[in-house]
């Protein structure tokens, strides 16, 4: 997975969010040792009440601020995904900021 694209926002502080040093993750990991990544993914799936299927695609997105237009666009993408078989029970919106949850979303997605 180390070849996959990770998009970080402008102003992203890599030392704070580095999964090899992140004290808020249930287990740390690095590009050379991804074992902890699976632990983070399962922890996130459990916390969000999602299926713990290891082959499930898990996408996390953290907004610092979101406009009504961006939210409407995101909802449109989800409507299209539902036509392709994505079930509503597999989608979670958390409408508040939680530092530990944000780290788990970043580390487990």
N, C-alpha and C. Protein backbone atom coordinates (compact mmCIF):
# COMPACT_ATOMS: atom_id res chain seq x y z
N UNK A 1 0.80 -1.21 0.00
CA UNK A 1 0.00 0.00 0.00
C UNK A 1 0.84 1.26 0.00
N UNK A 2 2.14 1.15 0.20
CA UNK A 2 2.95 2.34 0.32
C UNK A 2 3.03 3.12 -0.98
N UNK A 3 2.61 2.53 -2.11
CA UNK A 3 2.62 3.23 -3.39
C UNK A 3 1.36 4.04 -3.63
N UNK A 4 0.36 3.91 -2.75
CA UNK A 4 -0.91 4.61 -2.95
C UNK A 4 -0.76 6.08 -2.61
N UNK A 5 -1.56 6.87 -3.27
CA UNK A 5 -1.55 8.31 -3.08
C UNK A 5 -2.22 8.69 -1.76
N UNK A 6 -1.59 9.53 -1.01
CA UNK A 6 -2.18 10.10 0.19
C UNK A 6 -2.21 11.60 -0.02
N UNK A 7 -3.37 12.19 0.11
CA UNK A 7 -3.51 13.63 -0.10
C UNK A 7 -3.61 14.29 1.26
N UNK A 8 -2.71 15.18 1.54
CA UNK A 8 -2.71 15.89 2.81
C UNK A 8 -3.03 17.36 2.54
N UNK A 9 -3.80 17.96 3.41
CA UNK A 9 -4.18 19.35 3.21
C UNK A 9 -3.01 20.31 3.38
N UNK A 10 -3.15 21.48 2.80
CA UNK A 10 -2.16 22.54 2.95
C UNK A 10 -2.00 22.83 4.44
N UNK A 11 -0.79 22.95 4.91
CA UNK A 11 -0.56 23.21 6.31
C UNK A 11 -0.53 21.95 7.16
N UNK A 12 -0.57 20.82 6.53
CA UNK A 12 -0.57 19.52 7.20
C UNK A 12 0.74 19.34 7.96
N UNK A 13 0.65 19.05 9.24
CA UNK A 13 1.83 18.85 10.08
C UNK A 13 2.15 17.36 10.13
N UNK A 14 3.12 16.95 9.32
CA UNK A 14 3.40 15.52 9.17
C UNK A 14 3.84 14.85 10.46
N UNK A 15 4.56 15.55 11.33
CA UNK A 15 5.01 14.90 12.56
C UNK A 15 3.84 14.59 13.50
N UNK A 16 2.80 15.41 13.47
CA UNK A 16 1.61 15.18 14.30
C UNK A 16 0.83 13.98 13.80
N UNK A 17 0.80 13.78 12.49
CA UNK A 17 -0.05 12.76 11.88
C UNK A 17 0.73 11.55 11.38
N UNK A 18 2.02 11.47 11.68
CA UNK A 18 2.86 10.35 11.25
C UNK A 18 2.41 9.08 11.97
N UNK A 19 1.90 8.07 11.25
CA UNK A 19 1.38 6.87 11.92
C UNK A 19 2.46 6.04 12.62
N UNK A 20 3.72 6.30 12.34
CA UNK A 20 4.77 5.56 13.03
C UNK A 20 5.06 6.15 14.42
N UNK A 21 4.53 7.36 14.69
CA UNK A 21 4.76 8.01 15.99
C UNK A 21 3.48 8.48 16.66
N UNK A 22 2.33 8.23 16.06
CA UNK A 22 1.06 8.78 16.54
C UNK A 22 0.59 8.06 17.80
N UNK A 23 0.62 8.75 18.93
CA UNK A 23 0.23 8.17 20.21
C UNK A 23 -1.29 7.98 20.34
N UNK A 24 -2.06 8.57 19.42
CA UNK A 24 -3.51 8.42 19.47
C UNK A 24 -4.02 7.18 18.72
N UNK A 25 -3.13 6.49 18.02
CA UNK A 25 -3.52 5.27 17.30
C UNK A 25 -3.40 4.06 18.22
N UNK A 26 -4.26 3.06 18.02
CA UNK A 26 -4.17 1.85 18.85
C UNK A 26 -2.88 1.08 18.62
N UNK A 27 -2.31 1.23 17.43
CA UNK A 27 -1.02 0.62 17.11
C UNK A 27 -0.38 1.44 16.01
N UNK A 28 0.90 1.72 16.14
CA UNK A 28 1.60 2.49 15.12
C UNK A 28 2.02 1.59 13.97
N UNK A 29 2.36 2.21 12.84
CA UNK A 29 2.82 1.47 11.67
C UNK A 29 3.63 2.40 10.78
N UNK A 30 4.31 1.79 9.82
CA UNK A 30 5.12 2.57 8.87
C UNK A 30 5.01 1.91 7.50
N UNK A 31 5.59 2.56 6.51
CA UNK A 31 5.55 2.02 5.14
C UNK A 31 6.28 0.68 5.07
N UNK A 32 7.27 0.48 5.92
CA UNK A 32 8.01 -0.79 5.89
C UNK A 32 7.39 -1.87 6.77
N UNK A 33 6.45 -1.48 7.66
CA UNK A 33 5.78 -2.44 8.53
C UNK A 33 4.33 -2.00 8.72
N UNK A 34 3.43 -2.55 7.92
CA UNK A 34 2.03 -2.12 7.90
C UNK A 34 1.11 -2.91 8.83
N UNK A 35 1.66 -3.74 9.70
CA UNK A 35 0.80 -4.56 10.57
C UNK A 35 -0.16 -3.71 11.40
N UNK A 36 0.32 -2.60 11.93
CA UNK A 36 -0.52 -1.73 12.74
C UNK A 36 -1.64 -1.07 11.97
N UNK A 37 -1.48 -0.94 10.66
CA UNK A 37 -2.52 -0.34 9.82
C UNK A 37 -3.81 -1.16 9.90
N UNK A 38 -3.69 -2.48 9.86
CA UNK A 38 -4.86 -3.36 9.95
C UNK A 38 -5.55 -3.21 11.30
N UNK A 39 -4.77 -3.05 12.36
CA UNK A 39 -5.33 -2.86 13.70
C UNK A 39 -6.12 -1.54 13.75
N UNK A 40 -5.55 -0.49 13.16
CA UNK A 40 -6.22 0.81 13.11
C UNK A 40 -7.52 0.73 12.31
N UNK A 41 -7.49 0.01 11.19
CA UNK A 41 -8.68 -0.12 10.35
C UNK A 41 -9.79 -0.85 11.10
N UNK A 42 -9.46 -1.94 11.76
CA UNK A 42 -10.47 -2.69 12.51
C UNK A 42 -11.01 -1.84 13.66
N UNK A 43 -10.14 -1.11 14.35
CA UNK A 43 -10.59 -0.23 15.43
C UNK A 43 -11.57 0.81 14.93
N UNK A 44 -11.27 1.40 13.77
CA UNK A 44 -12.16 2.40 13.18
C UNK A 44 -13.48 1.76 12.77
N UNK A 45 -13.43 0.59 12.14
CA UNK A 45 -14.65 -0.10 11.74
C UNK A 45 -15.52 -0.42 12.96
N UNK A 46 -14.91 -0.87 14.04
CA UNK A 46 -15.66 -1.19 15.26
C UNK A 46 -16.29 0.06 15.85
N UNK A 47 -15.51 1.12 15.95
CA UNK A 47 -15.99 2.37 16.52
C UNK A 47 -17.17 2.95 15.73
N UNK A 48 -17.10 2.82 14.41
CA UNK A 48 -18.14 3.36 13.54
C UNK A 48 -19.29 2.37 13.30
N UNK A 49 -19.18 1.16 13.83
CA UNK A 49 -20.24 0.17 13.63
C UNK A 49 -20.29 -0.35 12.21
N UNK A 50 -19.13 -0.44 11.57
CA UNK A 50 -19.04 -0.93 10.20
C UNK A 50 -18.61 -2.39 10.19
N UNK A 51 -18.86 -3.08 9.09
CA UNK A 51 -18.41 -4.44 8.91
C UNK A 51 -16.89 -4.48 9.05
N UNK A 52 -16.39 -5.51 9.71
CA UNK A 52 -14.95 -5.63 9.92
C UNK A 52 -14.28 -6.49 8.86
N UNK A 53 -14.87 -6.54 7.69
CA UNK A 53 -14.30 -7.29 6.58
C UNK A 53 -12.99 -6.62 6.16
N UNK A 54 -11.90 -7.38 6.21
CA UNK A 54 -10.58 -6.82 5.90
C UNK A 54 -10.47 -6.34 4.46
N UNK A 55 -11.27 -6.92 3.56
CA UNK A 55 -11.19 -6.51 2.16
C UNK A 55 -12.08 -5.31 1.84
N UNK A 56 -12.83 -4.82 2.81
CA UNK A 56 -13.67 -3.65 2.59
C UNK A 56 -12.81 -2.42 2.33
N UNK A 57 -13.27 -1.62 1.39
CA UNK A 57 -12.60 -0.35 1.12
C UNK A 57 -13.10 0.64 2.17
N UNK A 58 -12.18 1.32 2.80
CA UNK A 58 -12.52 2.27 3.84
C UNK A 58 -11.93 3.62 3.46
N UNK A 59 -12.78 4.60 3.25
CA UNK A 59 -12.34 5.94 2.85
C UNK A 59 -12.70 6.90 3.96
N UNK A 60 -11.72 7.64 4.43
CA UNK A 60 -11.96 8.65 5.45
C UNK A 60 -11.70 10.03 4.90
N UNK A 61 -12.49 10.99 5.33
CA UNK A 61 -12.32 12.37 4.87
C UNK A 61 -12.59 13.27 6.06
N UNK A 62 -11.65 14.13 6.37
CA UNK A 62 -11.79 15.03 7.51
C UNK A 62 -11.88 16.45 6.97
N UNK A 63 -12.97 17.13 7.28
CA UNK A 63 -13.18 18.52 6.86
C UNK A 63 -12.91 19.43 8.04
N UNK A 64 -12.16 20.50 7.82
CA UNK A 64 -12.04 21.50 8.88
C UNK A 64 -13.24 22.44 8.82
N UNK A 65 -13.65 22.74 7.62
CA UNK A 65 -14.87 23.53 7.39
C UNK A 65 -15.48 23.00 6.11
N UNK A 66 -16.79 23.04 6.05
CA UNK A 66 -17.44 22.55 4.84
C UNK A 66 -18.60 23.49 4.50
N UNK A 67 -18.65 23.86 3.25
CA UNK A 67 -19.73 24.73 2.80
C UNK A 67 -20.93 23.88 2.42
N UNK A 68 -22.06 24.50 2.32
CA UNK A 68 -23.27 23.78 1.89
C UNK A 68 -23.09 23.19 0.50
N UNK A 69 -22.39 23.92 -0.38
CA UNK A 69 -22.18 23.44 -1.75
C UNK A 69 -21.30 22.19 -1.76
N UNK A 70 -20.23 22.18 -0.96
CA UNK A 70 -19.36 21.01 -0.90
C UNK A 70 -20.11 19.83 -0.30
N UNK A 71 -20.89 20.08 0.74
CA UNK A 71 -21.67 19.01 1.35
C UNK A 71 -22.67 18.45 0.34
N UNK A 72 -23.31 19.28 -0.43
CA UNK A 72 -24.27 18.82 -1.44
C UNK A 72 -23.56 17.99 -2.51
N UNK A 73 -22.36 18.40 -2.92
CA UNK A 73 -21.59 17.63 -3.88
C UNK A 73 -21.22 16.26 -3.32
N UNK A 74 -20.81 16.23 -2.06
CA UNK A 74 -20.47 14.97 -1.41
C UNK A 74 -21.69 14.06 -1.33
N UNK A 75 -22.82 14.61 -1.00
CA UNK A 75 -24.05 13.81 -0.94
C UNK A 75 -24.40 13.27 -2.34
N UNK A 76 -24.13 14.05 -3.38
CA UNK A 76 -24.36 13.59 -4.75
C UNK A 76 -23.48 12.40 -5.09
N UNK A 77 -22.23 12.46 -4.67
CA UNK A 77 -21.32 11.34 -4.90
C UNK A 77 -21.84 10.09 -4.19
N UNK A 78 -22.32 10.26 -2.98
CA UNK A 78 -22.87 9.11 -2.23
C UNK A 78 -24.13 8.56 -2.89
N UNK A 79 -24.95 9.42 -3.45
CA UNK A 79 -26.15 8.94 -4.16
C UNK A 79 -25.74 8.10 -5.37
N UNK A 80 -24.74 8.55 -6.10
CA UNK A 80 -24.24 7.78 -7.25
C UNK A 80 -23.66 6.45 -6.77
N UNK A 81 -22.90 6.48 -5.68
CA UNK A 81 -22.32 5.25 -5.13
C UNK A 81 -23.42 4.27 -4.72
N UNK A 82 -24.52 4.79 -4.20
CA UNK A 82 -25.61 3.90 -3.78
C UNK A 82 -26.23 3.20 -4.98
N UNK A 83 -26.20 3.83 -6.14
CA UNK A 83 -26.68 3.18 -7.36
C UNK A 83 -25.76 2.03 -7.76
N UNK A 84 -24.50 2.14 -7.35
CA UNK A 84 -23.52 1.09 -7.65
C UNK A 84 -23.44 0.04 -6.54
N UNK A 85 -24.35 0.09 -5.58
CA UNK A 85 -24.41 -0.96 -4.57
C UNK A 85 -23.89 -0.58 -3.20
N UNK A 86 -23.41 0.65 -3.00
CA UNK A 86 -22.97 1.05 -1.67
C UNK A 86 -24.22 1.23 -0.80
N UNK A 87 -24.24 0.57 0.33
CA UNK A 87 -25.39 0.61 1.23
C UNK A 87 -25.28 1.78 2.20
N UNK A 88 -26.43 2.39 2.54
CA UNK A 88 -26.42 3.50 3.49
C UNK A 88 -25.80 3.10 4.83
N UNK A 89 -25.96 1.84 5.23
CA UNK A 89 -25.40 1.42 6.52
C UNK A 89 -23.88 1.37 6.50
N UNK A 90 -23.28 1.57 5.33
CA UNK A 90 -21.82 1.58 5.21
C UNK A 90 -21.25 2.99 5.14
N UNK A 91 -22.07 4.00 5.39
CA UNK A 91 -21.64 5.39 5.30
C UNK A 91 -21.87 6.04 6.67
N UNK A 92 -20.86 6.78 7.12
CA UNK A 92 -20.97 7.49 8.39
C UNK A 92 -20.58 8.95 8.20
N UNK A 93 -21.38 9.84 8.77
CA UNK A 93 -21.04 11.26 8.85
C UNK A 93 -20.95 11.61 10.33
N UNK A 94 -19.86 12.20 10.72
CA UNK A 94 -19.69 12.66 12.09
C UNK A 94 -19.60 14.18 12.01
N UNK A 95 -20.56 14.84 12.60
CA UNK A 95 -20.69 16.29 12.47
C UNK A 95 -20.10 17.02 13.68
N UNK A 96 -18.91 16.61 14.09
CA UNK A 96 -18.21 17.28 15.17
C UNK A 96 -16.74 16.91 15.07
N UNK A 97 -15.89 17.73 15.66
CA UNK A 97 -14.47 17.42 15.61
C UNK A 97 -14.07 16.66 16.86
N UNK A 98 -13.36 15.58 16.67
CA UNK A 98 -12.82 14.76 17.75
C UNK A 98 -11.39 14.42 17.36
N UNK A 99 -10.43 14.92 18.12
CA UNK A 99 -9.02 14.76 17.78
C UNK A 99 -8.62 13.30 17.64
N UNK A 100 -8.97 12.48 18.63
CA UNK A 100 -8.59 11.06 18.59
C UNK A 100 -9.25 10.35 17.41
N UNK A 101 -10.52 10.64 17.16
CA UNK A 101 -11.23 10.03 16.03
C UNK A 101 -10.60 10.47 14.71
N UNK A 102 -10.21 11.72 14.60
CA UNK A 102 -9.57 12.20 13.38
C UNK A 102 -8.28 11.44 13.10
N UNK A 103 -7.50 11.19 14.14
CA UNK A 103 -6.27 10.42 13.95
C UNK A 103 -6.58 8.98 13.53
N UNK A 104 -7.63 8.40 14.12
CA UNK A 104 -8.01 7.03 13.77
C UNK A 104 -8.53 6.97 12.32
N UNK A 105 -9.29 7.99 11.90
CA UNK A 105 -9.76 8.05 10.51
C UNK A 105 -8.57 8.13 9.58
N UNK A 106 -7.63 9.00 9.89
CA UNK A 106 -6.45 9.16 9.03
C UNK A 106 -5.60 7.89 9.04
N UNK A 107 -5.42 7.28 10.20
CA UNK A 107 -4.57 6.11 10.32
C UNK A 107 -5.22 4.81 9.88
N UNK A 108 -6.54 4.74 9.94
CA UNK A 108 -7.24 3.50 9.64
C UNK A 108 -7.88 3.43 8.27
N UNK A 109 -7.90 4.55 7.55
CA UNK A 109 -8.54 4.56 6.23
C UNK A 109 -7.58 4.16 5.15
